[in-house]
C-alpha atoms as a PDB file:
ATOM      1  CA  ILE A   1     116.477  98.111 103.455  1.00  0.00           C
ATOM      2  CA  LYS A   2     112.835  98.909 104.173  1.00  0.00           C
ATOM      3  CA  GLY A   3     112.001  98.558 100.473  1.00  0.00           C
ATOM      4  CA  LEU A   4     113.679  95.161 100.292  1.00  0.00           C
ATOM      5  CA  GLU A   5     111.784  93.982 103.364  1.00  0.00           C
ATOM      6  CA  GLN A   6     108.478  95.050 101.821  1.00  0.00           C
ATOM      7  CA  ARG A   7     109.368  93.326  98.568  1.00  0.00           C
ATOM      8  CA  THR A   8     110.080  90.018 100.310  1.00  0.00           C
ATOM      9  CA  GLN A   9     106.589  90.163 101.846  1.00  0.00           C
ATOM     10  CA  GLN A  10     104.864  90.594  98.475  1.00  0.00           C
ATOM     11  CA  VAL A  11     103.543  87.593  96.601  1.00  0.00           C
ATOM     12  CA  GLU A  12     102.935  87.162  92.902  1.00  0.00           C
ATOM     13  CA  SER A  13      99.321  87.705  91.916  1.00  0.00           C
ATOM     14  CA  ARG A  14      97.279  87.367  88.756  1.00  0.00           C
ATOM     15  CA  GLU A  15      93.859  88.704  87.939  1.00  0.00           C
ATOM     16  CA  GLU A  16      91.790  89.217  84.816  1.00  0.00           C
ATOM     17  CA  VAL A  17      89.822  92.382  84.130  1.00  0.00           C
ATOM     18  CA  ASN A  18      87.867  92.719  80.851  1.00  0.00           C
ATOM     19  CA  GLY A  19      90.014  90.032  79.217  1.00  0.00           C
ATOM     20  CA  VAL A  20      93.261  91.759  80.260  1.00  0.00           C
ATOM     21  CA  GLU A  21      95.561  89.699  82.463  1.00  0.00           C
ATOM     22  CA  ILE A  22      97.246  91.753  85.190  1.00  0.00           C
ATOM     23  CA  VAL A  23     100.304  90.138  86.779  1.00  0.00           C
ATOM     24  CA  GLN A  24     102.224  91.329  89.821  1.00  0.00           C
ATOM     25  CA  ASP A  25     105.601  89.625  89.181  1.00  0.00           C
ATOM     26  CA  VAL A  26     107.557  90.080  92.413  1.00  0.00           C
ATOM     27  CA  GLU A  27     110.642  88.236  91.183  1.00  0.00           C
ATOM     28  CA  ALA A  28     110.937  90.519  88.146  1.00  0.00           C
ATOM     29  CA  ASN A  29     109.739  93.534  90.215  1.00  0.00           C
ATOM     30  CA  ARG A  30     107.141  94.355  87.550  1.00  0.00           C
ATOM     31  CA  THR A  31     103.427  94.938  87.108  1.00  0.00           C
ATOM     32  CA  GLN A  32     102.513  93.464  83.726  1.00  0.00           C
ATOM     33  CA  LEU A  33      99.479  93.822  81.458  1.00  0.00           C
ATOM     34  CA  TYR A  34      98.677  91.201  78.820  1.00  0.00           C
ATOM     35  CA  PHE A  35      96.049  92.443  76.346  1.00  0.00           C
ATOM     36  CA  PRO A  36      94.230  89.991  74.023  1.00  0.00           C
ATOM     37  CA  ASP A  37      94.997  92.308  71.094  1.00  0.00           C
ATOM     38  CA  VAL A  38      96.623  95.680  70.411  1.00  0.00           C
ATOM     39  CA  PRO A  39      95.243  98.438  72.686  1.00  0.00           C
ATOM     40  CA  SER A  40      93.935 101.633  71.076  1.00  0.00           C
ATOM     41  CA  GLU A  41      96.242 104.584  70.511  1.00  0.00           C
ATOM     42  CA  GLU A  42      94.486 106.443  73.336  1.00  0.00           C
ATOM     43  CA  LEU A  43      95.046 103.559  75.751  1.00  0.00           C
ATOM     44  CA  ARG A  44      98.694 103.213  74.717  1.00  0.00           C
ATOM     45  CA  GLY A  45      99.129 106.917  75.473  1.00  0.00           C
ATOM     46  CA  PHE A  46      97.526 106.396  78.880  1.00  0.00           C
ATOM     47  CA  LEU A  47      99.899 103.529  79.630  1.00  0.00           C
ATOM     48  CA  LYS A  48     103.005 105.436  78.513  1.00  0.00           C
ATOM     49  CA  ALA A  49     102.036 108.492  80.571  1.00  0.00           C
ATOM     50  CA  ARG A  50     101.888 106.267  83.658  1.00  0.00           C
ATOM     51  CA  GLY A  51     105.248 104.599  83.184  1.00  0.00           C
ATOM     52  CA  PHE A  52     104.225 101.435  81.348  1.00  0.00           C
ATOM     53  CA  ARG A  53     106.364 100.379  78.401  1.00  0.00           C
ATOM     54  CA  TRP A  54     105.819  97.730  75.740  1.00  0.00           C
ATOM     55  CA  THR A  55     108.248  94.871  76.265  1.00  0.00           C
ATOM     56  CA  ARG A  56     108.581  92.819  73.112  1.00  0.00           C
ATOM     57  CA  SER A  57     110.686  90.098  74.761  1.00  0.00           C
ATOM     58  CA  VAL A  58     107.900  89.359  77.268  1.00  0.00           C
ATOM     59  CA  GLY A  59     104.953  90.397  75.063  1.00  0.00           C
ATOM     60  CA  CYS A  60     103.302  92.718  77.539  1.00  0.00           C
ATOM     61  CA  TRP A  61     103.087  96.278  78.852  1.00  0.00           C
ATOM     62  CA  GLN A  62     104.964  96.596  82.127  1.00  0.00           C
ATOM     63  CA  ARG A  63     106.408  98.952  84.734  1.00  0.00           C
ATOM     64  CA  HIS A  64     108.169  98.597  88.070  1.00  0.00           C
ATOM     65  CA  LEU A  65     106.075  97.414  91.012  1.00  0.00           C
ATOM     66  CA  SER A  66     104.821 100.331  93.081  1.00  0.00           C
ATOM     67  CA  LEU A  67     101.797 101.435  95.040  1.00  0.00           C
ATOM     68  CA  GLN A  68     100.453 103.207  91.929  1.00  0.00           C
ATOM     69  CA  ALA A  69     101.142 100.458  89.383  1.00  0.00           C
ATOM     70  CA  LEU A  70      98.248  98.120  90.198  1.00  0.00           C
ATOM     71  CA  PRO A  71      95.533 100.828  90.305  1.00  0.00           C
ATOM     72  CA  TYR A  72      96.806 102.184  86.970  1.00  0.00           C
ATOM     73  CA  ALA A  73      96.788  98.660  85.511  1.00  0.00           C
ATOM     74  CA  ARG A  74      93.203  98.106  86.639  1.00  0.00           C
ATOM     75  CA  GLN A  75      92.186 101.477  85.219  1.00  0.00           C
ATOM     76  CA  ALA A  76      93.798 100.624  81.876  1.00  0.00           C
ATOM     77  CA  ALA A  77      92.007  97.267  81.816  1.00  0.00           C
ATOM     78  CA  GLY A  78      88.729  99.079  82.482  1.00  0.00           C
ATOM     79  CA  MET A  79      89.426 101.468  79.623  1.00  0.00           C
ATOM     80  CA  TYR A  80      90.179  98.502  77.354  1.00  0.00           C
ATOM     81  CA  GLY A  81      86.857  96.902  78.252  1.00  0.00           C
ATOM     82  CA  ALA A  82      84.957 100.154  77.657  1.00  0.00           C
ATOM     83  CA  ALA A  83      86.586 100.559  74.235  1.00  0.00           C
ATOM     84  CA  ALA A  84      85.762  96.946  73.287  1.00  0.00           C
ATOM     85  CA  ALA A  85      82.144  97.394  74.373  1.00  0.00           C
ATOM     86  CA  GLY A  86      81.658 100.690  72.585  1.00  0.00           C
END
């Protein structure tokens, strides 16, 4: 019950970090990452190790909403930007 109450208080949010769109989709209960192109193999490994999975039907990397999901998403976006710059 407590989890459902917390979920009803959350709102959908969108932000862009290094060209990567990060979406907190409350209705779908997902944190989603939309990359402008295919992430590197290293970054895909990072995402998989943290519970993100490629979802072809939506066209993004996503995992269930959680306290850890958004910080991991921001970290992945930072890694993407560092790889694009270097």
